[in-house]
Amino acid sequence: MKKKNTIFALSSAYGKAGVSVFRISGPDALDILKKLSKKKKFTPNVMQYSDIYHPLTNELLDSCMVVFFKAPKSYTGEDTVELFTHGSIAVIDAVYDALSKFETARIAEPGEFTKRAFLNDKLDLTQVEAISDLIEAETESQRKLALNNTNGQLSKLYNLWRDKLVKILAWYEASIDFSDDEMPINVIDQNNKNLEDVINEIEKHIKTSSVAQLIKYGLDIAIIGKPNVGKSSLFNKIIGQNKAIVSNIAGTTRDVIDAIIDVDGFKINLSDTAGLNSKTNDKIEKKGIKKALEKAQKADIKIYVIDNLKSFDSKQVDKDTIVLLNKIDKKSYKKIPDGILPISVKDNSNWKKFWNLLTFKIKEKMEMSSDATLTQQRYKNTLESVLMFLKTALTEQEIDLKVENLRLATDAIGSITGRVYFNELLDEIFSSFCLGK
């Protein structure tokens, strides 16, 4: 029996839509298309209209658009067919049934199309993981960050470092086999200089990971303050819905309430926290206060809300804190200290000033530079190991040990892009992909 090397899957979402997209990839993709359409010839890369039929019953399934991509000029690097059918559940189920009747084809595993693209050298691992990030992107900044990496920006950088290290490694290995008279003058000194340059570049690159990670996972903002100062009202106003309960009863908010919002293209994880009531004896409220303080400590930005100047606690304030004096619609002040913004959540007094200040602080932390590409924790961990190997190689006096540490560093960088890879790593990466990708 012929091995089932051809795979198929629905690449669009299952359900009602204008169009549904099926993808078929493998050596029998074109043959399957010919049998489905009852046509003998298809010009590569040209979309055309065609009826498609069930291979066993000859029943008409749909009238749709089809396209054939001839290897290696396809996403997977294999012969690939895409069917653009009408987007009804009945059509989707009928096409799935038809494709399952071909003995040489099987349904694709999650991420298998992209895995084949990697194995056929159409993508490296940084591009693969960037595609996953692009699929998951919720904001404009996440889209831009992922798109930079799908275009190979990150892999070019890592491959450049690897190529430099391979050259350095080659000269060190040559120094083992040849005498000093046979080697170019000062080759070891130049090697050390080149090695220092790579170390400095990697260290600089790792520093950009904090910005890239914030863009990918979101910036954490915590609203803190004593009970009944208007924290929940502020939270609801920012997210645009009444998610947090608002009342005059102290301790209404006893746990952290979270919401994810998009502010100027950046993902924000906003948290409303329990009131900081030092006088409470309620065990549950105390737990809520403890969680509030923990949330505030981990937050990238804090919004500290007070409703009178006497309750102001400078211990809650640092350079990343916005201090709001709320409820100025109820009470006026002759003088308000610098650094405290008077506001009324109820009647919108100074709301624009607050929003401008908040967005300024967000952009200050999140603004993406062209260097901010290190999105995966795997990359950071690996590069930190690379630095350890390179610094050891730089200080090591024995040439053999220098060479060994350089080899380890070179292989480690190769594992990021996939030049050196392990099956366990591939399984973990591709298992997170959706079916049909």
Foldseek 3Di string as FASTA:
>chain_A
DAAQFKAKDWQDDQAADAKTKMKIFDDCAVVLVCLQFVDDDADAPDKDWGFGAQNPPRHTLFIWIKHWHPACPDQLRTTMMMTIGGRHNSSVVVVVVSQVPDPNYYHDAFLRSVVSSCVNVVAFQQLLLLVVQCVVDDFPLSNVLSVCRVVPVVVVVLVVLLVLLVVLLVLLVVPVVDPPVVHDPCSVVVSLVSLVVSLVVLVVLLVLQQLLQCQRVHAEEEEAAAFPLCLQLVVCVVQVHNPQDDDNDAFSFQAKDWDWDADPRGIHIYIYAHGCDPPDPDPSSVVRNVVRVVSLVPGQAYEYGAQDPVRDDCVSDDPRYQAEHEDVVPPPDPDDDPRYHYAYSVVGVCVVVVSVVVVVSVCVRNVDDPSNNNNDPLVSVLSVLLSVLSVCLSPDPDSVSVSVSSVSSSLSSCCNGVVHHDPVVVCVSSNPGGRND
